[in-house]
Amino acid sequence: GIHLDPAVITCVLVDLLGRVVGERSRRTPSGGDTDEIAVDMADSVSAL
């Protein structure tokens, strides 16, 4: 799961019971290129 928030982007990995087994977060870039932000989000998912 990944949450796009104006302040922070949070990514979590959960098991079948919804328990978090891994997470990453970073400040949401301001005024950045949306495609670049989407690529960064995808990289966070793959890395997690």
All heavy atoms as atom14 arrays in JSON, in Angstrom:
{
  "sequence": "GIHLDPAVITCVLVDLLGRVVGERSRRTPSGGDTDEIAVDMADSVSAL",
  "atom14_mask": [
    [1, 1, 1, 1, 0, 0, 0, 0, 0, 0, 0, 0, 0, 0],
    [1, 1, 1, 1, 1, 1, 1, 1, 0, 0, 0, 0, 0, 0],
    [1, 1, 1, 1, 1, 1, 1, 1, 1, 1, 0, 0, 0, 0],
    [1, 1, 1, 1, 1, 1, 1, 1, 0, 0, 0, 0, 0, 0],
    [1, 1, 1, 1, 1, 1, 1, 1, 0, 0, 0, 0, 0, 0],
    [1, 1, 1, 1, 1, 1, 1, 0, 0, 0, 0, 0, 0, 0],
    [1, 1, 1, 1, 1, 0, 0, 0, 0, 0, 0, 0, 0, 0],
    [1, 1, 1, 1, 1, 1, 1, 0, 0, 0, 0, 0, 0, 0],
    [1, 1, 1, 1, 1, 1, 1, 1, 0, 0, 0, 0, 0, 0],
    [1, 1, 1, 1, 1, 1, 1, 0, 0, 0, 0, 0, 0, 0],
    [1, 1, 1, 1, 1, 1, 0, 0, 0, 0, 0, 0, 0, 0],
    [1, 1, 1, 1, 1, 1, 1, 0, 0, 0, 0, 0, 0, 0],
    [1, 1, 1, 1, 1, 1, 1, 1, 0, 0, 0, 0, 0, 0],
    [1, 1, 1, 1, 1, 1, 1, 0, 0, 0, 0, 0, 0, 0],
    [1, 1, 1, 1, 1, 1, 1, 1, 0, 0, 0, 0, 0, 0],
    [1, 1, 1, 1, 1, 1, 1, 1, 0, 0, 0, 0, 0, 0],
    [1, 1, 1, 1, 1, 1, 1, 1, 0, 0, 0, 0, 0, 0],
    [1, 1, 1, 1, 0, 0, 0, 0, 0, 0, 0, 0, 0, 0],
    [1, 1, 1, 1, 1, 1, 1, 1, 1, 1, 1, 0, 0, 0],
    [1, 1, 1, 1, 1, 1, 1, 0, 0, 0, 0, 0, 0, 0],
    [1, 1, 1, 1, 1, 1, 1, 0, 0, 0, 0, 0, 0, 0],
    [1, 1, 1, 1, 0, 0, 0, 0, 0, 0, 0, 0, 0, 0],
    [1, 1, 1, 1, 1, 1, 1, 1, 1, 0, 0, 0, 0, 0],
    [1, 1, 1, 1, 1, 1, 1, 1, 1, 1, 1, 0, 0, 0],
    [1, 1, 1, 1, 1, 1, 0, 0, 0, 0, 0, 0, 0, 0],
    [1, 1, 1, 1, 1, 1, 1, 1, 1, 1, 1, 0, 0, 0],
    [1, 1, 1, 1, 1, 1, 1, 1, 1, 1, 1, 0, 0, 0],
    [1, 1, 1, 1, 1, 1, 1, 0, 0, 0, 0, 0, 0, 0],
    [1, 1, 1, 1, 1, 1, 1, 0, 0, 0, 0, 0, 0, 0],
    [1, 1, 1, 1, 1, 1, 0, 0, 0, 0, 0, 0, 0, 0],
    [1, 1, 1, 1, 0, 0, 0, 0, 0, 0, 0, 0, 0, 0],
    [1, 1, 1, 1, 0, 0, 0, 0, 0, 0, 0, 0, 0, 0],
    [1, 1, 1, 1, 1, 1, 1, 1, 0, 0, 0, 0, 0, 0],
    [1, 1, 1, 1, 1, 1, 1, 0, 0, 0, 0, 0, 0, 0],
    [1, 1, 1, 1, 1, 1, 1, 1, 0, 0, 0, 0, 0, 0],
    [1, 1, 1, 1, 1, 1, 1, 1, 1, 0, 0, 0, 0, 0],
    [1, 1, 1, 1, 1, 1, 1, 1, 0, 0, 0, 0, 0, 0],
    [1, 1, 1, 1, 1, 0, 0, 0, 0, 0, 0, 0, 0, 0],
    [1, 1, 1, 1, 1, 1, 1, 0, 0, 0, 0, 0, 0, 0],
    [1, 1, 1, 1, 1, 1, 1, 1, 0, 0, 0, 0, 0, 0],
    [1, 1, 1, 1, 1, 1, 1, 1, 0, 0, 0, 0, 0, 0],
    [1, 1, 1, 1, 1, 0, 0, 0, 0, 0, 0, 0, 0, 0],
    [1, 1, 1, 1, 1, 1, 1, 1, 0, 0, 0, 0, 0, 0],
    [1, 1, 1, 1, 1, 1, 0, 0, 0, 0, 0, 0, 0, 0],
    [1, 1, 1, 1, 1, 1, 1, 0, 0, 0, 0, 0, 0, 0],
    [1, 1, 1, 1, 1, 1, 0, 0, 0, 0, 0, 0, 0, 0],
    [1, 1, 1, 1, 1, 0, 0, 0, 0, 0, 0, 0, 0, 0],
    [1, 1, 1, 1, 1, 1, 1, 1, 0, 0, 0, 0, 0, 0]
  ],
  "atom14_positions": [
    [[0.83, -1.19, 0.0], [0.0, 0.0, 0.0], [0.86, 1.24, 0.0], [1.91, 1.27, 0.66], [0.0, 0.0, 0.0], [0.0, 0.0, 0.0], [0.0, 0.0, 0.0], [0.0, 0.0, 0.0], [0.0, 0.0, 0.0], [0.0, 0.0, 0.0], [0.0, 0.0, 0.0], [0.0, 0.0, 0.0], [0.0, 0.0, 0.0], [0.0, 0.0, 0.0]],
    [[0.46, 2.25, -0.76], [1.18, 3.51, -0.76], [0.19, 4.66, -0.61], [-0.87, 4.67, -1.24], [2.04, 3.66, -2.04], [3.01, 4.85, -1.91], [1.2, 3.76, -3.3], [4.16, 4.82, -2.89], [0.0, 0.0, 0.0], [0.0, 0.0, 0.0], [0.0, 0.0, 0.0], [0.0, 0.0, 0.0], [0.0, 0.0, 0.0], [0.0, 0.0, 0.0]],
    [[0.52, 5.59, 0.27], [-0.34, 6.74, 0.55], [0.33, 8.0, 0.04], [1.42, 8.35, 0.5], [-0.6, 6.84, 2.05], [-1.46, 8.02, 2.43], [-1.4, 8.61, 3.67], [-2.38, 8.72, 1.72], [-2.25, 9.62, 3.71], [-2.86, 9.71, 2.54], [0.0, 0.0, 0.0], [0.0, 0.0, 0.0], [0.0, 0.0, 0.0], [0.0, 0.0, 0.0]],
    [[-0.31, 8.64, -0.92], [0.15, 9.93, -1.41], [-0.54, 11.02, -0.61], [-1.76, 11.21, -0.72], [-0.18, 10.07, -2.9], [0.08, 11.46, -3.51], [1.56, 11.8, -3.49], [-0.5, 11.54, -4.92], [0.0, 0.0, 0.0], [0.0, 0.0, 0.0], [0.0, 0.0, 0.0], [0.0, 0.0, 0.0], [0.0, 0.0, 0.0], [0.0, 0.0, 0.0]],
    [[0.22, 11.72, 0.21], [-0.29, 12.82, 1.02], [0.49, 14.08, 0.64], [1.66, 13.98, 0.25], [-0.09, 12.5, 2.51], [-0.58, 13.6, 3.42], [-1.79, 13.63, 3.72], [0.24, 14.44, 3.85], [0.0, 0.0, 0.0], [0.0, 0.0, 0.0], [0.0, 0.0, 0.0], [0.0, 0.0, 0.0], [0.0, 0.0, 0.0], [0.0, 0.0, 0.0]],
    [[-0.12, 15.26, 0.74], [0.62, 16.47, 0.4], [1.9, 16.67, 1.21], [2.83, 17.34, 0.74], [-0.39, 17.59, 0.7], [-1.72, 16.94, 0.51], [-1.55, 15.54, 1.0], [0.0, 0.0, 0.0], [0.0, 0.0, 0.0], [0.0, 0.0, 0.0], [0.0, 0.0, 0.0], [0.0, 0.0, 0.0], [0.0, 0.0, 0.0], [0.0, 0.0, 0.0]],
    [[1.96, 16.06, 2.41], [3.14, 16.25, 3.26], [4.13, 15.09, 3.17], [5.34, 15.29, 3.22], [2.72, 16.44, 4.71], [0.0, 0.0, 0.0], [0.0, 0.0, 0.0], [0.0, 0.0, 0.0], [0.0, 0.0, 0.0], [0.0, 0.0, 0.0], [0.0, 0.0, 0.0], [0.0, 0.0, 0.0], [0.0, 0.0, 0.0], [0.0, 0.0, 0.0]],
    [[3.64, 13.85, 3.06], [4.52, 12.7, 3.14], [3.97, 11.57, 2.28], [2.75, 11.4, 2.15], [4.69, 12.22, 4.6], [3.38, 11.77, 5.19], [5.74, 11.13, 4.72], [0.0, 0.0, 0.0], [0.0, 0.0, 0.0], [0.0, 0.0, 0.0], [0.0, 0.0, 0.0], [0.0, 0.0, 0.0], [0.0, 0.0, 0.0], [0.0, 0.0, 0.0]],
    [[4.88, 10.8, 1.67], [4.5, 9.61, 0.91], [4.95, 8.4, 1.73], [6.13, 8.28, 2.07], [5.16, 9.59, -0.47], [4.66, 10.76, -1.32], [4.88, 8.26, -1.18], [5.4, 10.92, -2.63], [0.0, 0.0, 0.0], [0.0, 0.0, 0.0], [0.0, 0.0, 0.0], [0.0, 0.0, 0.0], [0.0, 0.0, 0.0], [0.0, 0.0, 0.0]],
    [[4.0, 7.54, 2.06], [4.27, 6.38, 2.92], [3.94, 5.1, 2.17], [2.89, 4.98, 1.55], [3.43, 6.44, 4.21], [3.66, 7.68, 4.86], [3.8, 5.3, 5.14], [0.0, 0.0, 0.0], [0.0, 0.0, 0.0], [0.0, 0.0, 0.0], [0.0, 0.0, 0.0], [0.0, 0.0, 0.0], [0.0, 0.0, 0.0], [0.0, 0.0, 0.0]],
    [[4.84, 4.13, 2.25], [4.67, 2.84, 1.59], [4.8, 1.73, 2.62], [5.72, 1.75, 3.45], [5.73, 2.69, 0.5], [5.59, 1.2, -0.5], [0.0, 0.0, 0.0], [0.0, 0.0, 0.0], [0.0, 0.0, 0.0], [0.0, 0.0, 0.0], [0.0, 0.0, 0.0], [0.0, 0.0, 0.0], [0.0, 0.0, 0.0], [0.0, 0.0, 0.0]],
    [[3.87, 0.77, 2.6], [3.92, -0.35, 3.55], [3.71, -1.67, 2.82], [3.07, -1.72, 1.77], [2.85, -0.22, 4.67], [3.06, 1.05, 5.48], [1.44, -0.29, 4.1], [0.0, 0.0, 0.0], [0.0, 0.0, 0.0], [0.0, 0.0, 0.0], [0.0, 0.0, 0.0], [0.0, 0.0, 0.0], [0.0, 0.0, 0.0], [0.0, 0.0, 0.0]],
    [[4.26, -2.71, 3.4], [4.04, -4.08, 2.95], [3.34, -4.82, 4.09], [3.81, -4.77, 5.23], [5.38, -4.76, 2.62], [5.32, -6.22, 2.17], [4.7, -6.33, 0.78], [6.73, -6.83, 2.15], [0.0, 0.0, 0.0], [0.0, 0.0, 0.0], [0.0, 0.0, 0.0], [0.0, 0.0, 0.0], [0.0, 0.0, 0.0], [0.0, 0.0, 0.0]],
    [[2.2, -5.47, 3.79], [1.45, -6.15, 4.84], [1.23, -7.61, 4.45], [1.25, -7.97, 3.27], [0.09, -5.47, 5.11], [0.27, -3.98, 5.42], [-0.89, -5.66, 3.94], [0.0, 0.0, 0.0], [0.0, 0.0, 0.0], [0.0, 0.0, 0.0], [0.0, 0.0, 0.0], [0.0, 0.0, 0.0], [0.0, 0.0, 0.0], [0.0, 0.0, 0.0]],
    [[1.0, -8.45, 5.48], [0.68, -9.85, 5.22], [-0.84, -10.01, 5.08], [-1.59, -9.02, 5.07], [1.27, -10.76, 6.3], [0.67, -10.51, 7.68], [-0.43, -9.93, 7.8], [1.32, -10.92, 8.68], [0.0, 0.0, 0.0], [0.0, 0.0, 0.0], [0.0, 0.0, 0.0], [0.0, 0.0, 0.0], [0.0, 0.0, 0.0], [0.0, 0.0, 0.0]],
    [[-1.3, -11.25, 4.99], [-2.73, -11.5, 4.75], [-3.63, -11.07, 5.89], [-4.84, -10.93, 5.7], [-2.96, -12.99, 4.46], [-2.64, -13.47, 3.05], [-3.03, -14.93, 2.88], [-3.34, -12.62, 1.99], [0.0, 0.0, 0.0], [0.0, 0.0, 0.0], [0.0, 0.0, 0.0], [0.0, 0.0, 0.0], [0.0, 0.0, 0.0], [0.0, 0.0, 0.0]],
    [[-3.08, -10.84, 7.07], [-3.88, -10.36, 8.19], [-3.78, -8.85, 8.35], [-4.28, -8.29, 9.31], [-3.45, -11.06, 9.49], [-3.7, -12.57, 9.53], [-3.24, -13.15, 10.87], [-5.17, -12.91, 9.29], [0.0, 0.0, 0.0], [0.0, 0.0, 0.0], [0.0, 0.0, 0.0], [0.0, 0.0, 0.0], [0.0, 0.0, 0.0], [0.0, 0.0, 0.0]],
    [[-3.13, -8.2, 7.39], [-3.01, -6.75, 7.44], [-1.92, -6.25, 8.36], [-1.87, -5.06, 8.66], [0.0, 0.0, 0.0], [0.0, 0.0, 0.0], [0.0, 0.0, 0.0], [0.0, 0.0, 0.0], [0.0, 0.0, 0.0], [0.0, 0.0, 0.0], [0.0, 0.0, 0.0], [0.0, 0.0, 0.0], [0.0, 0.0, 0.0], [0.0, 0.0, 0.0]],
    [[-1.02, -7.13, 8.81], [0.06, -6.73, 9.7], [1.24, -6.19, 8.88], [1.65, -6.81, 7.9], [0.51, -7.91, 10.55], [-0.61, -8.47, 11.43], [-0.16, -9.63, 12.28], [0.39, -10.71, 11.49], [0.47, -11.98, 11.92], [0.03, -12.28, 13.14], [0.99, -12.9, 11.16], [0.0, 0.0, 0.0], [0.0, 0.0, 0.0], [0.0, 0.0, 0.0]],
    [[1.77, -5.05, 9.31], [2.86, -4.4, 8.58], [4.16, -5.17, 8.79], [4.58, -5.42, 9.92], [3.03, -2.94, 9.04], [4.22, -2.3, 8.34], [1.76, -2.14, 8.76], [0.0, 0.0, 0.0], [0.0, 0.0, 0.0], [0.0, 0.0, 0.0], [0.0, 0.0, 0.0], [0.0, 0.0, 0.0], [0.0, 0.0, 0.0], [0.0, 0.0, 0.0]],
    [[4.81, -5.53, 7.69], [6.09, -6.24, 7.77], [7.23, -5.41, 7.2], [8.39, -5.81, 7.25], [6.01, -7.61, 7.05], [5.01, -8.52, 7.72], [5.66, -7.45, 5.57], [0.0, 0.0, 0.0], [0.0, 0.0, 0.0], [0.0, 0.0, 0.0], [0.0, 0.0, 0.0], [0.0, 0.0, 0.0], [0.0, 0.0, 0.0], [0.0, 0.0, 0.0]],
    [[6.9, -4.25, 6.64], [7.93, -3.34, 6.13], [7.31, -2.0, 5.78], [6.14, -1.94, 5.4], [0.0, 0.0, 0.0], [0.0, 0.0, 0.0], [0.0, 0.0, 0.0], [0.0, 0.0, 0.0], [0.0, 0.0, 0.0], [0.0, 0.0, 0.0], [0.0, 0.0, 0.0], [0.0, 0.0, 0.0], [0.0, 0.0, 0.0], [0.0, 0.0, 0.0]],
    [[8.08, -0.93, 5.91], [7.54, 0.39, 5.57], [8.67, 1.35, 5.19], [9.82, 1.19, 5.6], [6.73, 0.97, 6.73], [7.49, 1.19, 8.02], [6.56, 1.68, 9.13], [5.98, 0.82, 9.82], [6.43, 2.91, 9.28], [0.0, 0.0, 0.0], [0.0, 0.0, 0.0], [0.0, 0.0, 0.0], [0.0, 0.0, 0.0], [0.0, 0.0, 0.0]],
    [[8.31, 2.34, 4.37], [9.22, 3.41, 3.97], [8.4, 4.69, 3.88], [7.22, 4.66, 3.55], [9.83, 3.13, 2.58], [10.68, 1.9, 2.48], [11.0, 1.57, 1.03], [11.82, 2.59, 0.38], [13.13, 2.52, 0.23], [13.79, 1.47, 0.69], [13.8, 3.46, -0.38], [0.0, 0.0, 0.0], [0.0, 0.0, 0.0], [0.0, 0.0, 0.0]],
    [[9.02, 5.83, 4.16], [8.32, 7.1, 4.0], [9.33, 8.19, 3.65], [10.52, 8.09, 3.98], [7.55, 7.48, 5.26], [8.43, 7.71, 6.34], [0.0, 0.0, 0.0], [0.0, 0.0, 0.0], [0.0, 0.0, 0.0], [0.0, 0.0, 0.0], [0.0, 0.0, 0.0], [0.0, 0.0, 0.0], [0.0, 0.0, 0.0], [0.0, 0.0, 0.0]],
    [[8.83, 9.23, 2.99], [9.66, 10.36, 2.64], [8.76, 11.57, 2.44], [7.57, 11.45, 2.15], [10.48, 10.11, 1.4], [9.68, 9.8, 0.15], [10.45, 10.07, -1.12], [10.78, 11.49, -1.25], [11.46, 11.99, -2.27], [11.92, 11.19, -3.23], [11.7, 13.29, -2.35], [0.0, 0.0, 0.0], [0.0, 0.0, 0.0], [0.0, 0.0, 0.0]],
    [[9.33, 12.73, 2.6], [8.59, 13.98, 2.4], [8.15, 14.07, 0.93], [8.9, 13.72, 0.02], [9.48, 15.16, 2.76], [8.84, 16.53, 2.57], [9.75, 17.6, 3.12], [9.24, 18.95, 2.82], [9.34, 19.98, 3.64], [9.94, 19.81, 4.82], [8.88, 21.17, 3.3], [0.0, 0.0, 0.0], [0.0, 0.0, 0.0], [0.0, 0.0, 0.0]],
    [[6.92, 14.52, 0.75], [6.41, 14.69, -0.61], [7.09, 15.87, -1.28], [7.07, 16.99, -0.74], [4.88, 14.92, -0.58], [4.25, 13.84, 0.1], [4.34, 15.02, -1.99], [0.0, 0.0, 0.0], [0.0, 0.0, 0.0], [0.0, 0.0, 0.0], [0.0, 0.0, 0.0], [0.0, 0.0, 0.0], [0.0, 0.0, 0.0], [0.0, 0.0, 0.0]],
    [[7.71, 15.67, -2.44], [8.36, 16.79, -3.13], [7.33, 17.87, -3.48], [6.2, 17.57, -3.87], [8.92, 16.15, -4.4], [9.02, 14.69, -4.08], [7.88, 14.4, -3.16], [0.0, 0.0, 0.0], [0.0, 0.0, 0.0], [0.0, 0.0, 0.0], [0.0, 0.0, 0.0], [0.0, 0.0, 0.0], [0.0, 0.0, 0.0], [0.0, 0.0, 0.0]],
    [[7.69, 19.11, -3.31], [6.79, 20.21, -3.64], [7.18, 20.82, -4.97], [8.35, 21.04, -5.25], [6.83, 21.28, -2.53], [8.13, 21.8, -2.39], [0.0, 0.0, 0.0], [0.0, 0.0, 0.0], [0.0, 0.0, 0.0], [0.0, 0.0, 0.0], [0.0, 0.0, 0.0], [0.0, 0.0, 0.0], [0.0, 0.0, 0.0], [0.0, 0.0, 0.0]],
    [[6.17, 21.05, -5.79], [6.42, 21.7, -7.07], [7.22, 20.85, -8.05], [7.74, 21.35, -9.04], [0.0, 0.0, 0.0], [0.0, 0.0, 0.0], [0.0, 0.0, 0.0], [0.0, 0.0, 0.0], [0.0, 0.0, 0.0], [0.0, 0.0, 0.0], [0.0, 0.0, 0.0], [0.0, 0.0, 0.0], [0.0, 0.0, 0.0], [0.0, 0.0, 0.0]],
    [[7.32, 19.55, -7.77], [8.1, 18.69, -8.65], [7.29, 18.2, -9.83], [6.09, 18.39, -9.93], [0.0, 0.0, 0.0], [0.0, 0.0, 0.0], [0.0, 0.0, 0.0], [0.0, 0.0, 0.0], [0.0, 0.0, 0.0], [0.0, 0.0, 0.0], [0.0, 0.0, 0.0], [0.0, 0.0, 0.0], [0.0, 0.0, 0.0], [0.0, 0.0, 0.0]],
    [[7.98, 17.54, -10.75], [7.34, 16.95, -11.91], [6.55, 15.72, -11.47], [7.09, 14.83, -10.8], [8.42, 16.57, -12.93], [7.81, 15.96, -14.18], [7.65, 14.72, -14.2], [7.49, 16.72, -15.1], [0.0, 0.0, 0.0], [0.0, 0.0, 0.0], [0.0, 0.0, 0.0], [0.0, 0.0, 0.0], [0.0, 0.0, 0.0], [0.0, 0.0, 0.0]],
    [[5.28, 15.65, -11.85], [4.43, 14.54, -11.38], [4.94, 13.19, -11.86], [4.86, 12.2, -11.12], [2.98, 14.75, -11.82], [2.94, 15.06, -13.23], [2.34, 15.89, -11.05], [0.0, 0.0, 0.0], [0.0, 0.0, 0.0], [0.0, 0.0, 0.0], [0.0, 0.0, 0.0], [0.0, 0.0, 0.0], [0.0, 0.0, 0.0], [0.0, 0.0, 0.0]],
    [[5.44, 13.14, -13.07], [5.98, 11.87, -13.56], [7.18, 11.43, -12.73], [7.34, 10.24, -12.43], [6.38, 11.99, -15.03], [5.18, 11.97, -15.97], [4.16, 11.37, -15.62], [5.27, 12.58, -17.05], [0.0, 0.0, 0.0], [0.0, 0.0, 0.0], [0.0, 0.0, 0.0], [0.0, 0.0, 0.0], [0.0, 0.0, 0.0], [0.0, 0.0, 0.0]],
    [[8.02, 12.39, -12.36], [9.18, 12.05, -11.53], [8.75, 11.55, -10.16], [9.33, 10.6, -9.61], [10.08, 13.27, -11.38], [10.81, 13.67, -12.65], [11.73, 14.87, -12.43], [11.81, 15.34, -11.27], [12.34, 15.33, -13.41], [0.0, 0.0, 0.0], [0.0, 0.0, 0.0], [0.0, 0.0, 0.0], [0.0, 0.0, 0.0], [0.0, 0.0, 0.0]],
    [[7.72, 12.19, -9.6], [7.23, 11.75, -8.29], [6.64, 10.35, -8.4], [6.86, 9.5, -7.53], [6.18, 12.75, -7.75], [6.83, 14.1, -7.49], [5.54, 12.21, -6.46], [5.86, 15.19, -7.12], [0.0, 0.0, 0.0], [0.0, 0.0, 0.0], [0.0, 0.0, 0.0], [0.0, 0.0, 0.0], [0.0, 0.0, 0.0], [0.0, 0.0, 0.0]],
    [[5.9, 10.07, -9.47], [5.33, 8.74, -9.66], [6.43, 7.69, -9.81], [6.32, 6.58, -9.27], [4.42, 8.74, -10.89], [0.0, 0.0, 0.0], [0.0, 0.0, 0.0], [0.0, 0.0, 0.0], [0.0, 0.0, 0.0], [0.0, 0.0, 0.0], [0.0, 0.0, 0.0], [0.0, 0.0, 0.0], [0.0, 0.0, 0.0], [0.0, 0.0, 0.0]],
    [[7.5, 8.02, -10.53], [8.63, 7.1, -10.67], [9.26, 6.84, -9.31], [9.6, 5.69, -8.97], [9.67, 7.67, -11.65], [10.97, 6.87, -11.58], [9.13, 7.66, -13.07], [0.0, 0.0, 0.0], [0.0, 0.0, 0.0], [0.0, 0.0, 0.0], [0.0, 0.0, 0.0], [0.0, 0.0, 0.0], [0.0, 0.0, 0.0], [0.0, 0.0, 0.0]],
    [[9.4, 7.89, -8.51], [9.96, 7.75, -7.17], [9.07, 6.87, -6.3], [9.56, 6.03, -5.53], [10.14, 9.12, -6.53], [10.87, 9.04, -5.2], [12.07, 8.72, -5.2], [10.23, 9.29, -4.15], [0.0, 0.0, 0.0], [0.0, 0.0, 0.0], [0.0, 0.0, 0.0], [0.0, 0.0, 0.0], [0.0, 0.0, 0.0], [0.0, 0.0, 0.0]],
    [[7.75, 7.04, -6.41], [6.83, 6.19, -5.66], [6.97, 4.73, -6.07], [7.0, 3.83, -5.23], [5.38, 6.68, -5.88], [5.08, 8.04, -5.27], [3.45, 8.69, -5.76], [2.35, 7.55, -4.89], [0.0, 0.0, 0.0], [0.0, 0.0, 0.0], [0.0, 0.0, 0.0], [0.0, 0.0, 0.0], [0.0, 0.0, 0.0], [0.0, 0.0, 0.0]],
    [[7.04, 4.51, -7.37], [7.2, 3.14, -7.86], [8.52, 2.52, -7.38], [8.57, 1.34, -7.0], [7.13, 3.12, -9.39], [0.0, 0.0, 0.0], [0.0, 0.0, 0.0], [0.0, 0.0, 0.0], [0.0, 0.0, 0.0], [0.0, 0.0, 0.0], [0.0, 0.0, 0.0], [0.0, 0.0, 0.0], [0.0, 0.0, 0.0], [0.0, 0.0, 0.0]],
    [[9.58, 3.32, -7.38], [10.87, 2.83, -6.88], [10.78, 2.44, -5.4], [11.4, 1.45, -4.97], [11.95, 3.9, -7.07], [12.34, 4.1, -8.53], [12.01, 3.22, -9.35], [12.96, 5.13, -8.84], [0.0, 0.0, 0.0], [0.0, 0.0, 0.0], [0.0, 0.0, 0.0], [0.0, 0.0, 0.0], [0.0, 0.0, 0.0], [0.0, 0.0, 0.0]],
    [[10.03, 3.22, -4.62], [9.85, 2.91, -3.2], [9.14, 1.57, -3.02], [9.49, 0.76, -2.15], [9.06, 4.02, -2.51], [9.8, 5.21, -2.43], [0.0, 0.0, 0.0], [0.0, 0.0, 0.0], [0.0, 0.0, 0.0], [0.0, 0.0, 0.0], [0.0, 0.0, 0.0], [0.0, 0.0, 0.0], [0.0, 0.0, 0.0], [0.0, 0.0, 0.0]],
    [[8.11, 1.34, -3.85], [7.39, 0.07, -3.79], [8.32, -1.09, -4.12], [8.39, -2.09, -3.39], [6.19, 0.09, -4.77], [5.59, -1.31, -4.93], [5.13, 1.07, -4.3], [0.0, 0.0, 0.0], [0.0, 0.0, 0.0], [0.0, 0.0, 0.0], [0.0, 0.0, 0.0], [0.0, 0.0, 0.0], [0.0, 0.0, 0.0], [0.0, 0.0, 0.0]],
    [[9.06, -0.97, -5.21], [9.95, -2.06, -5.63], [11.05, -2.31, -4.6], [11.38, -3.47, -4.3], [10.57, -1.72, -6.99], [9.58, -1.57, -7.98], [0.0, 0.0, 0.0], [0.0, 0.0, 0.0], [0.0, 0.0, 0.0], [0.0, 0.0, 0.0], [0.0, 0.0, 0.0], [0.0, 0.0, 0.0], [0.0, 0.0, 0.0], [0.0, 0.0, 0.0]],
    [[11.59, -1.22, -4.04], [12.65, -1.37, -3.04], [12.13, -2.02, -1.78], [12.82, -2.86, -1.17], [13.24, 0.0, -2.72], [0.0, 0.0, 0.0], [0.0, 0.0, 0.0], [0.0, 0.0, 0.0], [0.0, 0.0, 0.0], [0.0, 0.0, 0.0], [0.0, 0.0, 0.0], [0.0, 0.0, 0.0], [0.0, 0.0, 0.0], [0.0, 0.0, 0.0]],
    [[10.92, -1.67, -1.37], [10.34, -2.25, -0.16], [10.15, -3.75, -0.31], [10.46, -4.54, 0.59], [9.01, -1.57, 0.15], [8.3, -1.99, 1.44], [9.16, -1.66, 2.66], [6.95, -1.3, 1.56], [0.0, 0.0, 0.0], [0.0, 0.0, 0.0], [0.0, 0.0, 0.0], [0.0, 0.0, 0.0], [0.0, 0.0, 0.0], [0.0, 0.0, 0.0]]
  ]
}
